[in-house]
Amino acid sequence: MQQKTYYPKAAEIQRDWLLVDAEGKNLGRLATRIAHVLLGKHKPTFTPGVEMGDFVVVVNAQNVTVTGTKTESRLTSKTYYHHSGYPGGLKAISLRDQLATFPDRALREAVWGMLPHNRMGRAVLKRLKIYGGAEHPHGAQKLKALD
């Protein structure tokens, strides 16, 4: 008797919309939970190499917290870099300034670090929607709360 391995087809994949409130939650722990859901590892039909994950909407991203033994110094010493593409175009911003001006970027970087760095990871990251405040334009979807 031969056993067949189950491989989900594109039509069989059901994607839900999950709402995450980042108010007072730890940045790293929240990012691991979001990456887990984006990859679809919470589903019983999870298959590596297949985009099985759900859409995730994060609100109140500006109120995320950072903990640890050196929390105050972490906010100033943690630096995010991006390049404009021109010579001498390297820009640096601290975590404190990043959370104040672009709160979505800090969380997106944390989640991206936990996803595969290939074309599947880039496609999965497009299903992540992050908003600094409580408002979001995804009211038409049936949003389930992520605990």
Protein backbone atom coordinates (compact mmCIF):
# COMPACT_ATOMS: atom_id res chain seq x y z
CA MET A 1 0.00 0.00 0.00
CA GLN A 2 1.39 3.36 -1.02
CA GLN A 3 0.89 6.49 1.06
CA LYS A 4 0.36 9.79 -0.75
CA THR A 5 1.59 13.10 0.62
CA TYR A 6 -1.06 15.80 0.81
CA TYR A 7 -0.18 18.94 -1.16
CA PRO A 8 -2.75 21.76 -1.01
CA LYS A 9 -4.01 23.26 -4.24
CA ALA A 10 -4.45 27.00 -4.70
CA ALA A 11 -8.26 26.68 -4.72
CA GLU A 12 -8.24 24.78 -1.39
CA ILE A 13 -6.39 27.50 0.54
CA GLN A 14 -8.69 29.60 2.70
CA ARG A 15 -7.28 32.92 3.89
CA ASP A 16 -8.83 34.67 6.86
CA TRP A 17 -8.33 38.24 8.05
CA LEU A 18 -6.96 38.62 11.57
CA LEU A 19 -6.89 41.81 13.63
CA VAL A 20 -4.04 42.39 16.09
CA ASP A 21 -4.03 45.20 18.64
CA ALA A 22 -0.39 46.05 19.40
CA GLU A 23 -1.25 48.29 22.36
CA GLY A 24 1.32 47.57 25.08
CA LYS A 25 2.60 44.35 23.49
CA ASN A 26 6.28 43.47 23.22
CA LEU A 27 7.78 44.07 19.76
CA GLY A 28 9.62 40.76 19.40
CA ARG A 29 6.91 38.51 20.80
CA LEU A 30 4.28 40.20 18.66
CA ALA A 31 6.45 39.84 15.55
CA THR A 32 6.92 36.08 16.10
CA ARG A 33 3.18 35.56 16.48
CA ILE A 34 2.46 37.57 13.33
CA ALA A 35 5.12 35.71 11.31
CA HIS A 36 3.67 32.39 12.51
CA VAL A 37 0.20 33.36 11.23
CA LEU A 38 1.49 34.87 7.96
CA LEU A 39 3.29 31.63 7.10
CA GLY A 40 0.22 29.53 7.98
CA LYS A 41 1.95 27.42 10.61
CA HIS A 42 -1.15 27.62 12.82
CA LYS A 43 -3.18 25.59 10.29
CA PRO A 44 -3.33 21.80 10.32
CA THR A 45 -2.76 21.71 6.55
CA PHE A 46 0.53 23.65 6.76
CA THR A 47 2.97 22.68 4.03
CA PRO A 48 6.45 24.21 3.76
CA GLY A 49 6.92 26.11 0.52
CA VAL A 50 3.21 26.86 0.09
CA GLU A 51 1.67 30.23 0.98
CA MET A 52 -0.97 29.02 3.43
CA GLY A 53 -1.10 32.06 5.74
CA ASP A 54 -3.77 34.58 6.56
CA PHE A 55 -3.97 38.35 6.17
CA VAL A 56 -2.96 40.24 9.32
CA VAL A 57 -4.07 43.79 10.17
CA VAL A 58 -2.13 45.43 13.01
CA VAL A 59 -3.50 48.54 14.72
CA ASN A 60 -1.92 50.79 17.39
CA ALA A 61 1.59 49.96 16.22
CA GLN A 62 2.96 53.19 17.70
CA ASN A 63 2.16 51.90 21.20
CA VAL A 64 4.29 48.75 20.99
CA THR A 65 6.78 48.29 23.83
CA VAL A 66 10.39 47.16 24.03
CA THR A 67 11.56 45.30 27.11
CA GLY A 68 14.80 43.89 28.40
CA THR A 69 17.58 44.72 30.81
CA LYS A 70 18.65 47.78 28.85
CA THR A 71 15.27 49.06 27.65
CA GLU A 72 16.10 52.76 27.78
CA SER A 73 19.44 52.37 26.04
CA ARG A 74 17.85 49.96 23.54
CA LEU A 75 15.53 52.69 22.30
CA THR A 76 18.50 54.90 21.44
CA SER A 77 21.14 52.31 20.49
CA LYS A 78 19.00 50.16 18.16
CA THR A 79 19.45 51.71 14.72
CA TYR A 80 17.57 51.07 11.49
CA TYR A 81 19.34 51.79 8.20
CA HIS A 82 18.04 52.40 4.70
CA HIS A 83 19.75 53.63 1.56
CA SER A 84 18.41 56.08 -0.99
CA GLY A 85 20.35 54.46 -3.83
CA TYR A 86 22.60 57.46 -4.35
CA PRO A 87 26.24 57.72 -3.24
CA GLY A 88 26.37 58.75 0.40
CA GLY A 89 22.65 58.07 0.76
CA LEU A 90 22.81 55.88 3.87
CA LYS A 91 20.21 57.04 6.40
CA ALA A 92 20.05 55.94 10.03
CA ILE A 93 17.22 56.30 12.55
CA SER A 94 16.97 55.12 16.16
CA LEU A 95 14.21 52.85 17.42
CA ARG A 96 12.69 55.68 19.51
CA ASP A 97 12.46 57.98 16.46
CA GLN A 98 11.27 55.11 14.25
CA LEU A 99 8.37 54.35 16.60
CA ALA A 100 7.49 58.05 16.80
CA THR A 101 7.59 58.84 13.07
CA PHE A 102 7.08 55.53 11.20
CA PRO A 103 5.72 52.95 13.70
CA ASP A 104 4.83 50.50 10.94
CA ARG A 105 8.43 50.19 9.75
CA ALA A 106 9.81 48.94 13.07
CA LEU A 107 7.25 46.14 13.27
CA ARG A 108 7.58 45.30 9.56
CA GLU A 109 11.37 44.95 9.94
CA ALA A 110 10.92 42.66 12.94
CA VAL A 111 8.44 40.44 11.08
CA TRP A 112 10.59 40.40 7.93
CA GLY A 113 13.52 39.11 9.95
CA MET A 114 11.43 36.07 10.90
CA LEU A 115 10.25 35.21 7.40
CA PRO A 116 12.20 33.39 4.67
CA HIS A 117 14.28 35.85 2.65
CA ASN A 118 13.14 34.73 -0.78
CA ARG A 119 10.27 35.40 -3.17
CA MET A 120 7.79 33.52 -1.00
CA GLY A 121 8.74 35.64 2.02
CA ARG A 122 8.24 38.84 0.03
CA ALA A 123 4.83 37.62 -1.14
CA VAL A 124 3.85 36.66 2.41
CA LEU A 125 4.89 40.08 3.76
CA LYS A 126 2.44 41.77 1.37
CA ARG A 127 -0.41 40.25 3.39
CA LEU A 128 0.66 42.25 6.46
CA LYS A 129 -1.11 45.59 6.94
CA ILE A 130 0.21 47.83 9.75
CA TYR A 131 -1.36 51.05 11.02
CA GLY A 132 0.00 53.36 13.73
CA GLY A 133 -3.40 54.36 15.09
CA ALA A 134 -6.67 52.58 15.79
CA GLU A 135 -8.25 53.30 12.38
CA HIS A 136 -7.83 51.00 9.40
CA PRO A 137 -9.59 50.75 6.00
CA HIS A 138 -10.29 46.99 6.22
CA GLY A 139 -13.75 47.16 7.77
CA ALA A 140 -15.36 45.29 4.86
CA GLN A 141 -13.46 42.09 5.68
CA LYS A 142 -14.58 39.81 8.48
CA LEU A 143 -11.79 40.40 10.96
CA LYS A 144 -11.10 37.87 13.69
CA ALA A 145 -9.13 38.95 16.75
CA LEU A 146 -5.76 37.31 17.24
CA ASP A 147 -5.18 36.54 20.89
